[in-house]
C-alpha cells in the first residue's frame, strides 16, 4: 500500500518517505489527504485543544 507524505518545508506531496522525517507529515492514505495535510493538522489541533479545555473544567 502506498503511503503519502506532506513535506511542510517545500509544500509538496511525496509518494513514500522521500525527505527527512522532520520535514514531513504523515503518512496519509491518499495523495488528496496528504495535499490537505495543513488543514487536517489544524483541525486535529483544534479538536485536541477543545478536549484539553473540557478536561480542565
N, C-alpha and C. Protein backbone atom coordinates (compact mmCIF):
# COMPACT_ATOMS: atom_id res chain seq x y z
N UNK A 1 0.84 -1.18 0.00
CA UNK A 1 0.00 0.00 0.00
C UNK A 1 0.90 1.25 0.00
N UNK A 2 0.62 2.14 -0.88
CA UNK A 2 1.39 3.38 -0.99
C UNK A 2 1.01 4.32 0.14
N UNK A 3 2.02 4.93 0.73
CA UNK A 3 1.79 5.96 1.74
C UNK A 3 2.20 7.30 1.14
N UNK A 4 1.47 8.32 1.53
CA UNK A 4 1.71 9.66 1.04
C UNK A 4 2.10 10.56 2.19
N UNK A 5 2.99 11.50 1.92
CA UNK A 5 3.51 12.41 2.92
C UNK A 5 3.40 13.84 2.42
N UNK A 6 3.28 14.77 3.34
CA UNK A 6 3.28 16.19 3.02
C UNK A 6 4.58 16.78 3.55
N UNK A 7 5.37 17.34 2.65
CA UNK A 7 6.62 17.98 3.05
C UNK A 7 6.30 19.43 3.38
N UNK A 8 6.27 19.76 4.67
CA UNK A 8 5.89 21.11 5.08
C UNK A 8 7.00 22.12 4.83
N UNK A 9 8.19 21.66 4.51
CA UNK A 9 9.28 22.58 4.17
C UNK A 9 9.14 23.07 2.73
N UNK A 10 8.73 22.16 1.82
CA UNK A 10 8.60 22.52 0.41
C UNK A 10 7.16 22.75 -0.02
N UNK A 11 6.19 22.23 0.78
CA UNK A 11 4.78 22.32 0.41
C UNK A 11 4.37 21.30 -0.63
N UNK A 12 5.21 20.30 -0.85
CA UNK A 12 4.95 19.28 -1.86
C UNK A 12 4.45 17.98 -1.23
N UNK A 13 3.66 17.24 -2.00
CA UNK A 13 3.22 15.90 -1.60
C UNK A 13 4.24 14.91 -2.14
N UNK A 14 4.59 13.92 -1.31
CA UNK A 14 5.58 12.92 -1.69
C UNK A 14 4.96 11.52 -1.63
N UNK A 15 5.27 10.72 -2.61
CA UNK A 15 4.86 9.31 -2.59
C UNK A 15 5.96 8.53 -1.91
N UNK A 16 5.65 7.99 -0.74
CA UNK A 16 6.67 7.32 0.06
C UNK A 16 7.49 8.34 0.84
N UNK A 17 8.29 7.83 1.76
CA UNK A 17 9.11 8.70 2.60
C UNK A 17 10.37 9.11 1.84
N UNK A 18 10.34 10.26 1.21
CA UNK A 18 11.46 10.71 0.38
C UNK A 18 12.37 11.71 1.08
N UNK A 19 11.83 12.49 2.00
CA UNK A 19 12.62 13.54 2.63
C UNK A 19 12.82 13.22 4.11
N UNK A 20 13.54 14.07 4.79
CA UNK A 20 13.79 13.89 6.21
C UNK A 20 12.48 13.84 6.99
N UNK A 21 12.44 13.00 8.00
CA UNK A 21 11.24 12.88 8.82
C UNK A 21 10.83 14.18 9.47
N UNK A 22 11.80 15.03 9.79
CA UNK A 22 11.49 16.30 10.44
C UNK A 22 10.86 17.30 9.48
N UNK A 23 10.92 17.02 8.18
CA UNK A 23 10.36 17.93 7.17
C UNK A 23 9.00 17.48 6.65
N UNK A 24 8.50 16.33 7.11
CA UNK A 24 7.27 15.81 6.52
C UNK A 24 6.26 15.39 7.57
N UNK A 25 5.00 15.42 7.16
CA UNK A 25 3.89 14.98 7.99
C UNK A 25 3.20 13.82 7.29
N UNK A 26 2.77 12.87 8.07
CA UNK A 26 2.09 11.72 7.51
C UNK A 26 2.46 10.48 8.30
N UNK A 27 2.12 9.34 7.77
CA UNK A 27 1.64 9.10 6.42
C UNK A 27 0.14 9.31 6.28
N UNK A 28 -0.27 9.53 5.05
CA UNK A 28 -1.67 9.64 4.68
C UNK A 28 -1.99 8.53 3.71
N UNK A 29 -3.26 8.14 3.67
CA UNK A 29 -3.68 7.03 2.80
C UNK A 29 -3.83 7.42 1.34
N UNK A 30 -3.99 8.72 1.08
CA UNK A 30 -4.17 9.15 -0.31
C UNK A 30 -3.39 10.43 -0.58
N UNK A 31 -3.14 10.66 -1.85
CA UNK A 31 -2.46 11.89 -2.27
C UNK A 31 -3.30 13.11 -1.89
N UNK A 32 -4.61 12.98 -2.02
CA UNK A 32 -5.52 14.09 -1.70
C UNK A 32 -5.44 14.46 -0.22
N UNK A 33 -5.41 13.45 0.65
CA UNK A 33 -5.30 13.72 2.08
C UNK A 33 -3.95 14.37 2.40
N UNK A 34 -2.89 13.89 1.78
CA UNK A 34 -1.57 14.49 2.02
C UNK A 34 -1.56 15.95 1.57
N UNK A 35 -2.22 16.24 0.47
CA UNK A 35 -2.28 17.62 -0.02
C UNK A 35 -3.05 18.52 0.95
N UNK A 36 -3.98 17.93 1.70
CA UNK A 36 -4.76 18.68 2.69
C UNK A 36 -4.13 18.65 4.07
N UNK A 37 -2.91 18.18 4.18
CA UNK A 37 -2.26 18.00 5.47
C UNK A 37 -2.32 19.23 6.37
N UNK A 38 -2.00 20.43 5.89
CA UNK A 38 -2.08 21.58 6.79
C UNK A 38 -3.48 21.79 7.38
N UNK A 39 -4.49 21.58 6.56
CA UNK A 39 -5.88 21.71 7.03
C UNK A 39 -6.22 20.61 8.03
N UNK A 40 -5.85 19.38 7.73
CA UNK A 40 -6.11 18.25 8.62
C UNK A 40 -5.41 18.45 9.95
N UNK A 41 -4.18 18.89 9.93
CA UNK A 41 -3.41 19.11 11.15
C UNK A 41 -4.03 20.22 11.99
N UNK A 42 -4.48 21.28 11.35
CA UNK A 42 -5.14 22.38 12.07
C UNK A 42 -6.44 21.90 12.71
N UNK A 43 -7.20 21.07 11.98
CA UNK A 43 -8.45 20.52 12.53
C UNK A 43 -8.17 19.66 13.77
N UNK A 44 -7.14 18.83 13.68
CA UNK A 44 -6.79 17.97 14.82
C UNK A 44 -6.34 18.81 16.01
N UNK A 45 -5.56 19.85 15.76
CA UNK A 45 -5.09 20.72 16.84
C UNK A 45 -6.26 21.40 17.54
N UNK A 46 -7.24 21.87 16.76
CA UNK A 46 -8.43 22.49 17.36
C UNK A 46 -9.19 21.49 18.21
N UNK A 47 -9.32 20.27 17.71
CA UNK A 47 -10.04 19.23 18.45
C UNK A 47 -9.33 18.91 19.75
N UNK A 48 -7.99 18.76 19.69
CA UNK A 48 -7.24 18.45 20.90
C UNK A 48 -7.31 19.60 21.91
N UNK A 49 -7.27 20.83 21.43
CA UNK A 49 -7.36 21.99 22.32
C UNK A 49 -8.72 22.02 23.00
N UNK A 50 -9.77 21.71 22.26
CA UNK A 50 -11.11 21.69 22.84
C UNK A 50 -11.22 20.57 23.88
N UNK A 51 -10.63 19.41 23.59
CA UNK A 51 -10.65 18.30 24.54
C UNK A 51 -9.88 18.66 25.81
N UNK A 52 -8.73 19.32 25.65
CA UNK A 52 -7.95 19.75 26.80
C UNK A 52 -8.70 20.75 27.64
N UNK A 53 -9.39 21.68 26.99
CA UNK A 53 -10.15 22.70 27.70
C UNK A 53 -11.29 22.08 28.49
N UNK A 54 -11.96 21.08 27.90
CA UNK A 54 -13.07 20.45 28.61
C UNK A 54 -12.56 19.56 29.73
N UNK A 55 -11.36 19.03 29.62
CA UNK A 55 -10.78 18.20 30.67
C UNK A 55 -10.40 19.05 31.88
N UNK A 56 -10.09 20.33 31.64
CA UNK A 56 -9.71 21.24 32.72
C UNK A 56 -10.91 21.71 33.54
N UNK A 57 -12.12 21.53 33.01
CA UNK A 57 -13.34 22.00 33.71
C UNK A 57 -13.70 21.12 34.87
